[in-house]
């Protein structure tokens, strides 16, 4: 199963790196990633497959806790 994370936050150059670093710290390979800038906001999409049970929810909570993040969710 593939999990799609969607993160929206300040258009700070380090936000995409912070989001991707959460996955890298757990040695999770990314299927796809995208970053779109709209004025002063970033919209970051990351797709990951093969996560163990509960890991997606843990990562989502960590993404939401990042300082520059306005919202984070798992989408279909």
C-alpha atoms as a PDB file:
ATOM      1  CA  UNK A   1       0.000   0.000   0.000  1.00  0.00           C
ATOM      2  CA  UNK A   2       1.236   3.496  -0.854  1.00  0.00           C
ATOM      3  CA  UNK A   3       0.820   6.352   1.613  1.00  0.00           C
ATOM      4  CA  UNK A   4       0.576   9.891   0.229  1.00  0.00           C
ATOM      5  CA  UNK A   5       1.563  12.674   2.611  1.00  0.00           C
ATOM      6  CA  UNK A   6       0.546  16.258   1.869  1.00  0.00           C
ATOM      7  CA  UNK A   7       2.256  19.018   3.842  1.00  0.00           C
ATOM      8  CA  UNK A   8       1.520  22.740   3.543  1.00  0.00           C
ATOM      9  CA  UNK A   9       3.679  25.335   5.232  1.00  0.00           C
ATOM     10  CA  UNK A  10       5.810  28.446   4.970  1.00  0.00           C
ATOM     11  CA  UNK A  11       7.870  28.803   1.797  1.00  0.00           C
ATOM     12  CA  UNK A  12      11.090  28.541   3.770  1.00  0.00           C
ATOM     13  CA  UNK A  13      13.940  26.801   1.899  1.00  0.00           C
ATOM     14  CA  UNK A  14      14.452  24.326   4.728  1.00  0.00           C
ATOM     15  CA  UNK A  15      10.851  23.038   5.000  1.00  0.00           C
ATOM     16  CA  UNK A  16      11.116  20.429   2.197  1.00  0.00           C
ATOM     17  CA  UNK A  17      14.393  19.219   3.690  1.00  0.00           C
ATOM     18  CA  UNK A  18      12.875  18.892   7.162  1.00  0.00           C
ATOM     19  CA  UNK A  19       9.976  16.838   5.797  1.00  0.00           C
ATOM     20  CA  UNK A  20      12.214  14.535   3.763  1.00  0.00           C
ATOM     21  CA  UNK A  21      14.664  14.212   6.647  1.00  0.00           C
ATOM     22  CA  UNK A  22      11.937  12.613   8.799  1.00  0.00           C
ATOM     23  CA  UNK A  23      11.850   9.779   6.266  1.00  0.00           C
ATOM     24  CA  UNK A  24      15.616   9.624   5.768  1.00  0.00           C
ATOM     25  CA  UNK A  25      16.233   9.239   9.503  1.00  0.00           C
ATOM     26  CA  UNK A  26      14.211   5.996   9.370  1.00  0.00           C
ATOM     27  CA  UNK A  27      15.854   4.857   6.107  1.00  0.00           C
ATOM     28  CA  UNK A  28      12.494   5.038   4.319  1.00  0.00           C
ATOM     29  CA  UNK A  29      12.758   5.184   0.537  1.00  0.00           C
ATOM     30  CA  UNK A  30      10.539   7.726  -1.197  1.00  0.00           C
ATOM     31  CA  UNK A  31       8.535   6.637  -4.260  1.00  0.00           C
ATOM     32  CA  UNK A  32       7.804  10.179  -5.439  1.00  0.00           C
ATOM     33  CA  UNK A  33       8.085  13.685  -4.061  1.00  0.00           C
ATOM     34  CA  UNK A  34       6.939  17.075  -5.286  1.00  0.00           C
ATOM     35  CA  UNK A  35       7.301  20.629  -4.045  1.00  0.00           C
ATOM     36  CA  UNK A  36       5.162  23.481  -5.320  1.00  0.00           C
ATOM     37  CA  UNK A  37       5.470  27.091  -4.248  1.00  0.00           C
ATOM     38  CA  UNK A  38       2.476  29.410  -4.209  1.00  0.00           C
ATOM     39  CA  UNK A  39       3.466  32.900  -3.055  1.00  0.00           C
ATOM     40  CA  UNK A  40       4.568  32.395   0.551  1.00  0.00           C
ATOM     41  CA  UNK A  41       3.569  28.724   0.972  1.00  0.00           C
ATOM     42  CA  UNK A  42       4.983  25.359   0.018  1.00  0.00           C
ATOM     43  CA  UNK A  43       2.828  22.376  -0.852  1.00  0.00           C
ATOM     44  CA  UNK A  44       4.875  19.203  -0.435  1.00  0.00           C
ATOM     45  CA  UNK A  45       3.655  15.815  -1.596  1.00  0.00           C
ATOM     46  CA  UNK A  46       5.479  12.613  -0.714  1.00  0.00           C
ATOM     47  CA  UNK A  47       4.466   9.053  -1.636  1.00  0.00           C
ATOM     48  CA  UNK A  48       5.912   6.097   0.270  1.00  0.00           C
ATOM     49  CA  UNK A  49       5.079   2.412  -0.039  1.00  0.00           C
ATOM     50  CA  UNK A  50       5.660  -0.502   2.279  1.00  0.00           C
ATOM     51  CA  UNK A  51       5.397   1.259   5.629  1.00  0.00           C
ATOM     52  CA  UNK A  52       4.919  -0.925   8.698  1.00  0.00           C
ATOM     53  CA  UNK A  53       1.685  -0.559  10.678  1.00  0.00           C
ATOM     54  CA  UNK A  54       1.516   2.671  12.635  1.00  0.00           C
ATOM     55  CA  UNK A  55       4.547   4.263  10.982  1.00  0.00           C
ATOM     56  CA  UNK A  56       2.480   6.526   8.688  1.00  0.00           C
ATOM     57  CA  UNK A  57       0.588   7.961  11.652  1.00  0.00           C
ATOM     58  CA  UNK A  58       3.820   8.500  13.593  1.00  0.00           C
ATOM     59  CA  UNK A  59       5.414  10.294  10.627  1.00  0.00           C
ATOM     60  CA  UNK A  60       2.290  12.395  10.141  1.00  0.00           C
ATOM     61  CA  UNK A  61       2.392  13.499  13.778  1.00  0.00           C
ATOM     62  CA  UNK A  62       6.058  14.458  13.407  1.00  0.00           C
ATOM     63  CA  UNK A  63       5.319  16.389  10.204  1.00  0.00           C
ATOM     64  CA  UNK A  64       2.534  18.304  11.950  1.00  0.00           C
ATOM     65  CA  UNK A  65       4.917  19.187  14.780  1.00  0.00           C
ATOM     66  CA  UNK A  66       7.455  20.859  12.479  1.00  0.00           C
ATOM     67  CA  UNK A  67       7.677  24.599  13.176  1.00  0.00           C
ATOM     68  CA  UNK A  68       6.961  25.814   9.627  1.00  0.00           C
ATOM     69  CA  UNK A  69       4.038  23.449   8.927  1.00  0.00           C
ATOM     70  CA  UNK A  70       0.500  24.828   8.703  1.00  0.00           C
ATOM     71  CA  UNK A  71      -1.143  21.475   7.952  1.00  0.00           C
ATOM     72  CA  UNK A  72      -0.233  17.886   7.193  1.00  0.00           C
ATOM     73  CA  UNK A  73      -2.454  14.999   6.176  1.00  0.00           C
ATOM     74  CA  UNK A  74      -2.527  11.639   4.483  1.00  0.00           C
ATOM     75  CA  UNK A  75      -4.400  11.721   1.184  1.00  0.00           C
ATOM     76  CA  UNK A  76      -5.559   9.032  -1.235  1.00  0.00           C
END
